[in-house]
Amino acid sequence: MVTVLALGAALAFGVADFLGGAVSRRATVLQVLLWCVPAGFAIVLAAALIDGGAPTGPSMAWGLAAGLAGGTGLITFYGALARGPMSVVAPVSALAAAVLPVASAWSAATG
């Protein structure tokens, strides 16, 4: 089941990145996010309601911080896709997204 969910998430991110970049060439980045963010929020809210659990103060603070960081990342990413070739921007951002956690885990493991 984990593999299916991971593949589904990868597919969703790939489609969202492609469509977000394509649409951001025709509209401003903020206009694109004005439609994308509420749609993503509705999906995450539905998943949270289905999963259940009570929110805590620290989890809400981490969620807020993650949302701000994610929003900043999306603005930067879609802006780059609107300005540069998608065939360059998407792989570079994917590489950075893969290298940073691996480097962080490696440095934590090696002290």
PDB file of N, CA and C in Angstrom:
ATOM      1  N   MET A   1       0.819  -1.198   0.000  1.00  0.00           N
ATOM      2  CA  MET A   1       0.000   0.000   0.000  1.00  0.00           C
ATOM      3  C   MET A   1       0.868   1.271   0.000  1.00  0.00           C
ATOM      4  N   VAL A   2       1.985   1.200   0.725  1.00  0.00           N
ATOM      5  CA  VAL A   2       2.869   2.364   0.785  1.00  0.00           C
ATOM      6  C   VAL A   2       3.412   2.700  -0.595  1.00  0.00           C
ATOM      7  N   THR A   3       3.753   1.675  -1.362  1.00  0.00           N
ATOM      8  CA  THR A   3       4.277   1.898  -2.707  1.00  0.00           C
ATOM      9  C   THR A   3       3.230   2.547  -3.599  1.00  0.00           C
ATOM     10  N   VAL A   4       2.002   2.100  -3.490  1.00  0.00           N
ATOM     11  CA  VAL A   4       0.912   2.679  -4.294  1.00  0.00           C
ATOM     12  C   VAL A   4       0.706   4.142  -3.924  1.00  0.00           C
ATOM     13  N   LEU A   5       0.715   4.437  -2.635  1.00  0.00           N
ATOM     14  CA  LEU A   5       0.550   5.826  -2.204  1.00  0.00           C
ATOM     15  C   LEU A   5       1.729   6.693  -2.662  1.00  0.00           C
ATOM     16  N   ALA A   6       2.937   6.167  -2.583  1.00  0.00           N
ATOM     17  CA  ALA A   6       4.112   6.924  -3.030  1.00  0.00           C
ATOM     18  C   ALA A   6       4.056   7.191  -4.532  1.00  0.00           C
ATOM     19  N   LEU A   7       3.672   6.186  -5.299  1.00  0.00           N
ATOM     20  CA  LEU A   7       3.547   6.390  -6.745  1.00  0.00           C
ATOM     21  C   LEU A   7       2.436   7.381  -7.068  1.00  0.00           C
ATOM     22  N   GLY A   8       1.338   7.300  -6.337  1.00  0.00           N
ATOM     23  CA  GLY A   8       0.250   8.264  -6.531  1.00  0.00           C
ATOM     24  C   GLY A   8       0.686   9.683  -6.209  1.00  0.00           C
ATOM     25  N   ALA A   9       1.451   9.841  -5.123  1.00  0.00           N
ATOM     26  CA  ALA A   9       1.956  11.171  -4.763  1.00  0.00           C
ATOM     27  C   ALA A   9       2.928  11.687  -5.818  1.00  0.00           C
ATOM     28  N   ALA A  10       3.803  10.816  -6.316  1.00  0.00           N
ATOM     29  CA  ALA A  10       4.752  11.223  -7.353  1.00  0.00           C
ATOM     30  C   ALA A  10       4.020  11.637  -8.627  1.00  0.00           C
ATOM     31  N   LEU A  11       3.006  10.883  -8.982  1.00  0.00           N
ATOM     32  CA  LEU A  11       2.206  11.232 -10.169  1.00  0.00           C
ATOM     33  C   LEU A  11       1.501  12.566  -9.974  1.00  0.00           C
ATOM     34  N   ALA A  12       0.920  12.760  -8.795  1.00  0.00           N
ATOM     35  CA  ALA A  12       0.216  14.018  -8.520  1.00  0.00           C
ATOM     36  C   ALA A  12       1.169  15.204  -8.567  1.00  0.00           C
ATOM     37  N   PHE A  13       2.358  15.054  -7.974  1.00  0.00           N
ATOM     38  CA  PHE A  13       3.333  16.145  -8.011  1.00  0.00           C
ATOM     39  C   PHE A  13       3.790  16.424  -9.435  1.00  0.00           C
ATOM     40  N   GLY A  14       4.033  15.374 -10.210  1.00  0.00           N
ATOM     41  CA  GLY A  14       4.469  15.569 -11.591  1.00  0.00           C
ATOM     42  C   GLY A  14       3.433  16.286 -12.434  1.00  0.00           C
ATOM     43  N   VAL A  15       2.188  15.862 -12.318  1.00  0.00           N
ATOM     44  CA  VAL A  15       1.109  16.499 -13.074  1.00  0.00           C
ATOM     45  C   VAL A  15       0.923  17.939 -12.616  1.00  0.00           C
ATOM     46  N   ALA A  16       0.946  18.153 -11.302  1.00  0.00           N
ATOM     47  CA  ALA A  16       0.771  19.511 -10.776  1.00  0.00           C
ATOM     48  C   ALA A  16       1.905  20.427 -11.211  1.00  0.00           C
ATOM     49  N   ASP A  17       3.134  19.914 -11.187  1.00  0.00           N
ATOM     50  CA  ASP A  17       4.267  20.737 -11.626  1.00  0.00           C
ATOM     51  C   ASP A  17       4.149  21.101 -13.095  1.00  0.00           C
ATOM     52  N   PHE A  18       3.787  20.128 -13.917  1.00  0.00           N
ATOM     53  CA  PHE A  18       3.665  20.405 -15.351  1.00  0.00           C
ATOM     54  C   PHE A  18       2.536  21.397 -15.618  1.00  0.00           C
ATOM     55  N   LEU A  19       1.369  21.125 -15.063  1.00  0.00           N
ATOM     56  CA  LEU A  19       0.227  22.017 -15.315  1.00  0.00           C
ATOM     57  C   LEU A  19       0.446  23.393 -14.700  1.00  0.00           C
ATOM     58  N   GLY A  20       1.031  23.446 -13.509  1.00  0.00           N
ATOM     59  CA  GLY A  20       1.309  24.742 -12.884  1.00  0.00           C
ATOM     60  C   GLY A  20       2.269  25.566 -13.712  1.00  0.00           C
ATOM     61  N   GLY A  21       3.293  24.913 -14.244  1.00  0.00           N
ATOM     62  CA  GLY A  21       4.247  25.629 -15.091  1.00  0.00           C
ATOM     63  C   GLY A  21       3.632  26.080 -16.390  1.00  0.00           C
ATOM     64  N   ALA A  22       2.816  25.215 -16.988  1.00  0.00           N
ATOM     65  CA  ALA A  22       2.171  25.574 -18.258  1.00  0.00           C
ATOM     66  C   ALA A  22       1.196  26.729 -18.070  1.00  0.00           C
ATOM     67  N   VAL A  23       0.423  26.681 -17.007  1.00  0.00           N
ATOM     68  CA  VAL A  23      -0.561  27.745 -16.770  1.00  0.00           C
ATOM     69  C   VAL A  23       0.123  29.045 -16.353  1.00  0.00           C
ATOM     70  N   SER A  24       1.240  28.945 -15.613  1.00  0.00           N
ATOM     71  CA  SER A  24       1.917  30.168 -15.167  1.00  0.00           C
ATOM     72  C   SER A  24       2.583  30.921 -16.310  1.00  0.00           C
ATOM     73  N   ARG A  25       2.672  30.306 -17.478  1.00  0.00           N
ATOM     74  CA  ARG A  25       3.159  31.044 -18.652  1.00  0.00           C
ATOM     75  C   ARG A  25       2.072  31.945 -19.239  1.00  0.00           C
ATOM     76  N   ARG A  26       0.818  31.619 -18.942  1.00  0.00           N
ATOM     77  CA  ARG A  26      -0.312  32.393 -19.479  1.00  0.00           C
ATOM     78  C   ARG A  26      -0.921  33.338 -18.449  1.00  0.00           C
ATOM     79  N   ALA A  27      -0.676  33.081 -17.181  1.00  0.00           N
ATOM     80  CA  ALA A  27      -1.228  33.906 -16.101  1.00  0.00           C
ATOM     81  C   ALA A  27      -0.099  34.200 -15.117  1.00  0.00           C
ATOM     82  N   THR A  28      -0.352  35.101 -14.181  1.00  0.00           N
ATOM     83  CA  THR A  28       0.670  35.395 -13.180  1.00  0.00           C
ATOM     84  C   THR A  28       0.743  34.246 -12.178  1.00  0.00           C
ATOM     85  N   VAL A  29       1.854  34.178 -11.489  1.00  0.00           N
ATOM     86  CA  VAL A  29       2.056  33.119 -10.505  1.00  0.00           C
ATOM     87  C   VAL A  29       0.997  33.191  -9.411  1.00  0.00           C
ATOM     88  N   LEU A  30       0.681  34.389  -8.970  1.00  0.00           N
ATOM     89  CA  LEU A  30      -0.323  34.527  -7.912  1.00  0.00           C
ATOM     90  C   LEU A  30      -1.711  34.109  -8.388  1.00  0.00           C
ATOM     91  N   GLN A  31      -2.034  34.344  -9.650  1.00  0.00           N
ATOM     92  CA  GLN A  31      -3.321  33.887 -10.178  1.00  0.00           C
ATOM     93  C   GLN A  31      -3.380  32.360 -10.200  1.00  0.00           C
ATOM     94  N   VAL A  32      -2.276  31.737 -10.557  1.00  0.00           N
ATOM     95  CA  VAL A  32      -2.223  30.269 -10.571  1.00  0.00           C
ATOM     96  C   VAL A  32      -2.411  29.736  -9.159  1.00  0.00           C
ATOM     97  N   LEU A  33      -1.701  30.320  -8.202  1.00  0.00           N
ATOM     98  CA  LEU A  33      -1.801  29.854  -6.820  1.00  0.00           C
ATOM     99  C   LEU A  33      -3.168  30.137  -6.220  1.00  0.00           C
ATOM    100  N   LEU A  34      -3.835  31.176  -6.703  1.00  0.00           N
ATOM    101  CA  LEU A  34      -5.178  31.485  -6.199  1.00  0.00           C
ATOM    102  C   LEU A  34      -6.144  30.345  -6.476  1.00  0.00           C
ATOM    103  N   TRP A  35      -5.901  29.578  -7.530  1.00  0.00           N
ATOM    104  CA  TRP A  35      -6.740  28.414  -7.840  1.00  0.00           C
ATOM    105  C   TRP A  35      -6.169  27.128  -7.245  1.00  0.00           C
ATOM    106  N   CYS A  36      -4.849  26.991  -7.251  1.00  0.00           N
ATOM    107  CA  CYS A  36      -4.217  25.738  -6.800  1.00  0.00           C
ATOM    108  C   CYS A  36      -4.305  25.537  -5.296  1.00  0.00           C
ATOM    109  N   VAL A  37      -4.055  26.571  -4.539  1.00  0.00           N
ATOM    110  CA  VAL A  37      -3.997  26.433  -3.091  1.00  0.00           C
ATOM    111  C   VAL A  37      -5.349  26.028  -2.496  1.00  0.00           C
ATOM    112  N   PRO A  38      -6.459  26.678  -2.860  1.00  0.00           N
ATOM    113  CA  PRO A  38      -7.740  26.209  -2.300  1.00  0.00           C
ATOM    114  C   PRO A  38      -8.083  24.768  -2.695  1.00  0.00           C
ATOM    115  N   ALA A  39      -7.726  24.359  -3.908  1.00  0.00           N
ATOM    116  CA  ALA A  39      -7.987  22.980  -4.321  1.00  0.00           C
ATOM    117  C   ALA A  39      -7.161  22.012  -3.485  1.00  0.00           C
ATOM    118  N   GLY A  40      -5.892  22.311  -3.288  1.00  0.00           N
ATOM    119  CA  GLY A  40      -5.044  21.468  -2.449  1.00  0.00           C
ATOM    120  C   GLY A  40      -5.509  21.457  -1.010  1.00  0.00           C
ATOM    121  N   PHE A  41      -5.950  22.611  -0.512  1.00  0.00           N
ATOM    122  CA  PHE A  41      -6.457  22.691   0.857  1.00  0.00           C
ATOM    123  C   PHE A  41      -7.686  21.810   1.038  1.00  0.00           C
ATOM    124  N   ALA A  42      -8.582  21.816   0.062  1.00  0.00           N
ATOM    125  CA  ALA A  42      -9.791  20.990   0.150  1.00  0.00           C
ATOM    126  C   ALA A  42      -9.431  19.502   0.203  1.00  0.00           C
ATOM    127  N   ILE A  43      -8.458  19.095  -0.585  1.00  0.00           N
ATOM    128  CA  ILE A  43      -8.040  17.685  -0.593  1.00  0.00           C
ATOM    129  C   ILE A  43      -7.396  17.306   0.734  1.00  0.00           C
ATOM    130  N   VAL A  44      -6.502  18.160   1.238  1.00  0.00           N
ATOM    131  CA  VAL A  44      -5.841  17.870   2.511  1.00  0.00           C
ATOM    132  C   VAL A  44      -6.843  17.889   3.663  1.00  0.00           C
ATOM    133  N   LEU A  45      -7.785  18.828   3.632  1.00  0.00           N
ATOM    134  CA  LEU A  45      -8.807  18.891   4.681  1.00  0.00           C
ATOM    135  C   LEU A  45      -9.663  17.630   4.678  1.00  0.00           C
ATOM    136  N   ALA A  46     -10.045  17.168   3.500  1.00  0.00           N
ATOM    137  CA  ALA A  46     -10.833  15.933   3.417  1.00  0.00           C
ATOM    138  C   ALA A  46     -10.039  14.751   3.974  1.00  0.00           C
ATOM    139  N   ALA A  47      -8.764  14.667   3.640  1.00  0.00           N
ATOM    140  CA  ALA A  47      -7.925  13.577   4.156  1.00  0.00           C
ATOM    141  C   ALA A  47      -7.785  13.667   5.671  1.00  0.00           C
ATOM    142  N   ALA A  48      -7.643  14.876   6.206  1.00  0.00           N
ATOM    143  CA  ALA A  48      -7.509  15.043   7.656  1.00  0.00           C
ATOM    144  C   ALA A  48      -8.808  14.670   8.373  1.00  0.00           C
ATOM    145  N   LEU A  49      -9.936  15.024   7.791  1.00  0.00           N
ATOM    146  CA  LEU A  49     -11.214  14.674   8.415  1.00  0.00           C
ATOM    147  C   LEU A  49     -11.464  13.171   8.375  1.00  0.00           C
ATOM    148  N   ILE A  50     -11.043  12.524   7.304  1.00  0.00           N
ATOM    149  CA  ILE A  50     -11.208  11.077   7.198  1.00  0.00           C
ATOM    150  C   ILE A  50     -10.288  10.368   8.183  1.00  0.00           C
ATOM    151  N   ASP A  51      -9.046  10.854   8.293  1.00  0.00           N
ATOM    152  CA  ASP A  51      -8.062  10.218   9.177  1.00  0.00           C
ATOM    153  C   ASP A  51      -8.408  10.428  10.644  1.00  0.00           C
ATOM    154  N   GLY A  52      -8.939  11.581  10.969  1.00  0.00           N
ATOM    155  CA  GLY A  52      -9.296  11.870  12.360  1.00  0.00           C
ATOM    156  C   GLY A  52      -8.114  12.370  13.160  1.00  0.00           C
ATOM    157  N   GLY A  53      -8.253  12.317  14.463  1.00  0.00           N
ATOM    158  CA  GLY A  53      -7.195  12.807  15.342  1.00  0.00           C
ATOM    159  C   GLY A  53      -7.475  14.240  15.753  1.00  0.00           C
ATOM    160  N   ALA A  54      -6.987  14.578  16.935  1.00  0.00           N
ATOM    161  CA  ALA A  54      -7.192  15.924  17.461  1.00  0.00           C
ATOM    162  C   ALA A  54      -5.952  16.773  17.205  1.00  0.00           C
ATOM    163  N   PRO A  55      -6.136  17.998  16.724  1.00  0.00           N
ATOM    164  CA  PRO A  55      -4.972  18.865  16.506  1.00  0.00           C
ATOM    165  C   PRO A  55      -4.401  19.338  17.840  1.00  0.00           C
ATOM    166  N   THR A  56      -3.091  19.465  17.890  1.00  0.00           N
ATOM    167  CA  THR A  56      -2.409  19.998  19.070  1.00  0.00           C
ATOM    168  C   THR A  56      -1.717  21.294  18.689  1.00  0.00           C
ATOM    169  N   GLY A  57      -1.338  22.061  19.678  1.00  0.00           N
ATOM    170  CA  GLY A  57      -0.650  23.326  19.419  1.00  0.00           C
ATOM    171  C   GLY A  57       0.620  23.162  18.608  1.00  0.00           C
ATOM    172  N   PRO A  58       1.528  22.257  19.034  1.00  0.00           N
ATOM    173  CA  PRO A  58       2.761  22.082  18.250  1.00  0.00           C
ATOM    174  C   PRO A  58       2.505  21.591  16.823  1.00  0.00           C
ATOM    175  N   SER A  59       1.545  20.701  16.642  1.00  0.00           N
ATOM    176  CA  SER A  59       1.275  20.215  15.285  1.00  0.00           C
ATOM    177  C   SER A  59       0.699  21.322  14.414  1.00  0.00           C
ATOM    178  N   MET A  60      -0.103  22.188  14.991  1.00  0.00           N
ATOM    179  CA  MET A  60      -0.631  23.318  14.225  1.00  0.00           C
ATOM    180  C   MET A  60       0.481  24.305  13.866  1.00  0.00           C
ATOM    181  N   ALA A  61       1.417  24.533  14.789  1.00  0.00           N
ATOM    182  CA  ALA A  61       2.544  25.436  14.506  1.00  0.00           C
ATOM    183  C   ALA A  61       3.426  24.867  13.399  1.00  0.00           C
ATOM    184  N   TRP A  62       3.719  23.556  13.463  1.00  0.00           N
ATOM    185  CA  TRP A  62       4.507  22.929  12.409  1.00  0.00           C
ATOM    186  C   TRP A  62       3.765  22.969  11.079  1.00  0.00           C
ATOM    187  N   GLY A  63       2.469  22.771  11.121  1.00  0.00           N
ATOM    188  CA  GLY A  63       1.667  22.843   9.895  1.00  0.00           C
ATOM    189  C   GLY A  63       1.693  24.239   9.285  1.00  0.00           C
ATOM    190  N   LEU A  64       1.592  25.256  10.125  1.00  0.00           N
ATOM    191  CA  LEU A  64       1.649  26.639   9.642  1.00  0.00           C
ATOM    192  C   LEU A  64       3.010  26.935   9.019  1.00  0.00           C
ATOM    193  N   ALA A  65       4.072  26.517   9.706  1.00  0.00           N
ATOM    194  CA  ALA A  65       5.421  26.748   9.172  1.00  0.00           C
ATOM    195  C   ALA A  65       5.614  26.004   7.849  1.00  0.00           C
ATOM    196  N   ALA A  66       5.133  24.774   7.791  1.00  0.00           N
ATOM    197  CA  ALA A  66       5.261  23.997   6.546  1.00  0.00           C
ATOM    198  C   ALA A  66       4.452  24.631   5.423  1.00  0.00           C
ATOM    199  N   GLY A  67       3.281  25.141   5.744  1.00  0.00           N
ATOM    200  CA  GLY A  67       2.461  25.803   4.733  1.00  0.00           C
ATOM    201  C   GLY A  67       3.118  27.061   4.191  1.00  0.00           C
ATOM    202  N   LEU A  68       3.708  27.853   5.075  1.00  0.00           N
ATOM    203  CA  LEU A  68       4.402  29.063   4.623  1.00  0.00           C
ATOM    204  C   LEU A  68       5.609  28.715   3.759  1.00  0.00           C
ATOM    205  N   ALA A  69       6.373  27.717   4.187  1.00  0.00           N
ATOM    206  CA  ALA A  69       7.536  27.299   3.397  1.00  0.00           C
ATOM    207  C   ALA A  69       7.098  26.723   2.056  1.00  0.00           C
ATOM    208  N   GLY A  70       6.055  25.911   2.066  1.00  0.00           N
ATOM    209  CA  GLY A  70       5.559  25.330   0.812  1.00  0.00           C
ATOM    210  C   GLY A  70       5.026  26.385  -0.136  1.00  0.00           C
ATOM    211  N   GLY A  71       4.299  27.364   0.400  1.00  0.00           N
ATOM    212  CA  GLY A  71       3.780  28.450  -0.434  1.00  0.00           C
ATOM    213  C   GLY A  71       4.885  29.278  -1.053  1.00  0.00           C
ATOM    214  N   THR A  72       5.902  29.570  -0.264  1.00  0.00           N
ATOM    215  CA  THR A  72       7.054  30.306  -0.789  1.00  0.00           C
ATOM    216  C   THR A  72       7.753  29.499  -1.881  1.00  0.00           C
ATOM    217  N   GLY A  73       7.880  28.201  -1.644  1.00  0.00           N
ATOM    218  CA  GLY A  73       8.495  27.335  -2.650  1.00  0.00           C
ATOM    219  C   GLY A  73       7.693  27.285  -3.933  1.00  0.00           C
ATOM    220  N   LEU A  74       6.367  27.202  -3.817  1.00  0.00           N
ATOM    221  CA  LEU A  74       5.528  27.176  -5.021  1.00  0.00           C
ATOM    222  C   LEU A  74       5.614  28.479  -5.808  1.00  0.00           C
ATOM    223  N   ILE A  75       5.609  29.595  -5.104  1.00  0.00           N
ATOM    224  CA  ILE A  75       5.727  30.881  -5.792  1.00  0.00           C
ATOM    225  C   ILE A  75       7.046  30.941  -6.567  1.00  0.00           C
ATOM    226  N   THR A  76       8.122  30.518  -5.917  1.00  0.00           N
ATOM    227  CA  THR A  76       9.431  30.526  -6.569  1.00  0.00           C
ATOM    228  C   THR A  76       9.465  29.552  -7.740  1.00  0.00           C
ATOM    229  N   PHE A  77       8.944  28.335  -7.532  1.00  0.00           N
ATOM    230  CA  PHE A  77       8.971  27.306  -8.561  1.00  0.00           C
ATOM    231  C   PHE A  77       8.146  27.709  -9.781  1.00  0.00           C
ATOM    232  N   TYR A  78       6.922  28.147  -9.574  1.00  0.00           N
ATOM    233  CA  TYR A  78       6.080  28.546 -10.708  1.00  0.00           C
ATOM    234  C   TYR A  78       6.634  29.770 -11.409  1.00  0.00           C
ATOM    235  N   GLY A  79       7.232  30.676 -10.635  1.00  0.00           N
ATOM    236  CA  GLY A  79       7.875  31.836 -11.261  1.00  0.00           C
ATOM    237  C   GLY A  79       9.034  31.421 -12.151  1.00  0.00           C
ATOM    238  N   ALA A  80       9.817  30.448 -11.683  1.00  0.00           N
ATOM    239  CA  ALA A  80      10.932  29.945 -12.497  1.00  0.00           C
ATOM    240  C   ALA A  80      10.417  29.226 -13.740  1.00  0.00           C
ATOM    241  N   LEU A  81       9.343  28.452 -13.586  1.00  0.00           N
ATOM    242  CA  LEU A  81       8.771  27.770 -14.754  1.00  0.00           C
ATOM    243  C   LEU A  81       8.222  28.761 -15.775  1.00  0.00           C
ATOM    244  N   ALA A  82       7.694  29.882 -15.297  1.00  0.00           N
ATOM    245  CA  ALA A  82       7.157  30.888 -16.212  1.00  0.00           C
ATOM    246  C   ALA A  82       8.271  31.603 -16.973  1.00  0.00           C
ATOM    247  N   ARG A  83       9.456  31.707 -16.360  1.00  0.00           N
ATOM    248  CA  ARG A  83      10.548  32.451 -16.981  1.00  0.00           C
ATOM    249  C   ARG A  83      11.513  31.588 -17.780  1.00  0.00           C
ATOM    250  N   GLY A  84      11.720  30.367 -17.336  1.00  0.00           N
ATOM    251  CA  GLY A  84      12.740  29.539 -17.967  1.00  0.00           C
ATOM    252  C   GLY A  84      12.144  28.306 -18.618  1.00  0.00           C
ATOM    253  N   PRO A  85      12.969  27.554 -19.313  1.00  0.00           N
ATOM    254  CA  PRO A  85      12.466  26.330 -19.956  1.00  0.00           C
ATOM    255  C   PRO A  85      12.117  25.271 -18.915  1.00  0.00           C
ATOM    256  N   MET A  86      10.947  24.681 -19.068  1.00  0.00           N
ATOM    257  CA  MET A  86      10.466  23.678 -18.130  1.00  0.00           C
ATOM    258  C   MET A  86      11.422  22.488 -18.053  1.00  0.00           C
ATOM    259  N   SER A  87      12.079  22.177 -19.168  1.00  0.00           N
ATOM    260  CA  SER A  87      12.985  21.031 -19.210  1.00  0.00           C
ATOM    261  C   SER A  87      14.241  21.254 -18.367  1.00  0.00           C
ATOM    262  N   VAL A  88      14.514  22.482 -17.970  1.00  0.00           N
ATOM    263  CA  VAL A  88      15.662  22.779 -17.108  1.00  0.00           C
ATOM    264  C   VAL A  88      15.205  22.997 -15.672  1.00  0.00           C
ATOM    265  N   VAL A  89      14.156  23.777 -15.496  1.00  0.00           N
ATOM    266  CA  VAL A  89      13.710  24.156 -14.155  1.00  0.00           C
ATOM    267  C   VAL A  89      13.216  22.951 -13.356  1.00  0.00           C
ATOM    268  N   ALA A  90      12.388  22.111 -13.952  1.00  0.00           N
ATOM    269  CA  ALA A  90      11.809  20.984 -13.214  1.00  0.00           C
ATOM    270  C   ALA A  90      12.867  19.988 -12.738  1.00  0.00           C
ATOM    271  N   PRO A  91      13.818  19.557 -13.580  1.00  0.00           N
ATOM    272  CA  PRO A  91      14.832  18.627 -13.074  1.00  0.00           C
ATOM    273  C   PRO A  91      15.747  19.236 -12.015  1.00  0.00           C
ATOM    274  N   VAL A  92      16.077  20.512 -12.157  1.00  0.00           N
ATOM    275  CA  VAL A  92      16.941  21.154 -11.163  1.00  0.00           C
ATOM    276  C   VAL A  92      16.224  21.225  -9.820  1.00  0.00           C
ATOM    277  N   SER A  93      14.948  21.584  -9.820  1.00  0.00           N
ATOM    278  CA  SER A  93      14.211  21.645  -8.559  1.00  0.00           C
ATOM    279  C   SER A  93      14.018  20.242  -7.983  1.00  0.00           C
ATOM    280  N   ALA A  94      13.809  19.240  -8.826  1.00  0.00           N
ATOM    281  CA  ALA A  94      13.682  17.862  -8.334  1.00  0.00           C
ATOM    282  C   ALA A  94      14.986  17.381  -7.719  1.00  0.00           C
ATOM    283  N   LEU A  95      16.096  17.739  -8.334  1.00  0.00           N
ATOM    284  CA  LEU A  95      17.393  17.347  -7.790  1.00  0.00           C
ATOM    285  C   LEU A  95      17.624  17.996  -6.428  1.00  0.00           C
ATOM    286  N   ALA A  96      17.304  19.271  -6.327  1.00  0.00           N
ATOM    287  CA  ALA A  96      17.465  19.952  -5.037  1.00  0.00           C
ATOM    288  C   ALA A  96      16.555  19.330  -3.978  1.00  0.00           C
ATOM    289  N   ALA A  97      15.337  18.975  -4.369  1.00  0.00           N
ATOM    290  CA  ALA A  97      14.403  18.359  -3.422  1.00  0.00           C
ATOM    291  C   ALA A  97      14.873  16.982  -2.986  1.00  0.00           C
ATOM    292  N   ALA A  98      15.632  16.293  -3.817  1.00  0.00           N
ATOM    293  CA  ALA A  98      16.147  14.968  -3.452  1.00  0.00           C
ATOM    294  C   ALA A  98      17.453  15.069  -2.674  1.00  0.00           C
ATOM    295  N   VAL A  99      18.304  16.016  -3.033  1.00  0.00           N
ATOM    296  CA  VAL A  99      19.625  16.114  -2.417  1.00  0.00           C
ATOM    297  C   VAL A  99      19.546  16.661  -0.990  1.00  0.00           C
ATOM    298  N   LEU A 100      18.707  17.639  -0.742  1.00  0.00           N
ATOM    299  CA  LEU A 100      18.665  18.257   0.581  1.00  0.00           C
ATOM    300  C   LEU A 100      18.301  17.272   1.693  1.00  0.00           C
ATOM    301  N   PRO A 101      17.258  16.468   1.562  1.00  0.00           N
ATOM    302  CA  PRO A 101      16.974  15.507   2.635  1.00  0.00           C
ATOM    303  C   PRO A 101      18.058  14.439   2.793  1.00  0.00           C
ATOM    304  N   VAL A 102      18.628  13.997   1.690  1.00  0.00           N
ATOM    305  CA  VAL A 102      19.688  12.991   1.765  1.00  0.00           C
ATOM    306  C   VAL A 102      20.916  13.585   2.457  1.00  0.00           C
ATOM    307  N   ALA A 103      21.285  14.785   2.103  1.00  0.00           N
ATOM    308  CA  ALA A 103      22.431  15.427   2.740  1.00  0.00           C
ATOM    309  C   ALA A 103      22.157  15.672   4.224  1.00  0.00           C
ATOM    310  N   SER A 104      20.950  16.060   4.556  1.00  0.00           N
ATOM    311  CA  SER A 104      20.594  16.273   5.950  1.00  0.00           C
ATOM    312  C   SER A 104      20.663  14.969   6.737  1.00  0.00           C
ATOM    313  N   ALA A 105      20.137  13.903   6.179  1.00  0.00           N
ATOM    314  CA  ALA A 105      20.176  12.593   6.853  1.00  0.00           C
ATOM    315  C   ALA A 105      21.615  12.099   6.981  1.00  0.00           C
ATOM    316  N   TRP A 106      22.412  12.311   5.956  1.00  0.00           N
ATOM    317  CA  TRP A 106      23.805  11.888   5.990  1.00  0.00           C
ATOM    318  C   TRP A 106      24.567  12.645   7.066  1.00  0.00           C
ATOM    319  N   SER A 107      24.372  13.960   7.135  1.00  0.00           N
ATOM    320  CA  SER A 107      25.103  14.733   8.140  1.00  0.00           C
ATOM    321  C   SER A 107      24.612  14.415   9.544  1.00  0.00           C
ATOM    322  N   ALA A 108      23.328  14.086   9.710  1.00  0.00           N
ATOM    323  CA  ALA A 108      22.844  13.679  11.022  1.00  0.00           C
ATOM    324  C   ALA A 108      23.414  12.320  11.421  1.00  0.00           C
ATOM    325  N   ALA A 109      23.560  11.422  10.450  1.00  0.00           N
ATOM    326  CA  ALA A 109      24.086  10.093  10.734  1.00  0.00           C
ATOM    327  C   ALA A 109      25.578  10.108  11.038  1.00  0.00           C
ATOM    328  N   THR A 110      26.299  11.031  10.402  1.00  0.00           N
ATOM    329  CA  THR A 110      27.744  11.078  10.607  1.00  0.00           C
ATOM    330  C   THR A 110      28.151  12.045  11.705  1.00  0.00           C
ATOM    331  N   GLY A 111      27.194  12.759  12.244  1.00  0.00           N
ATOM    332  CA  GLY A 111      27.482  13.656  13.358  1.00  0.00           C
ATOM    333  C   GLY A 111      27.955  14.989  12.893  1.00  0.00           C
TER     334      GLY A 111
END
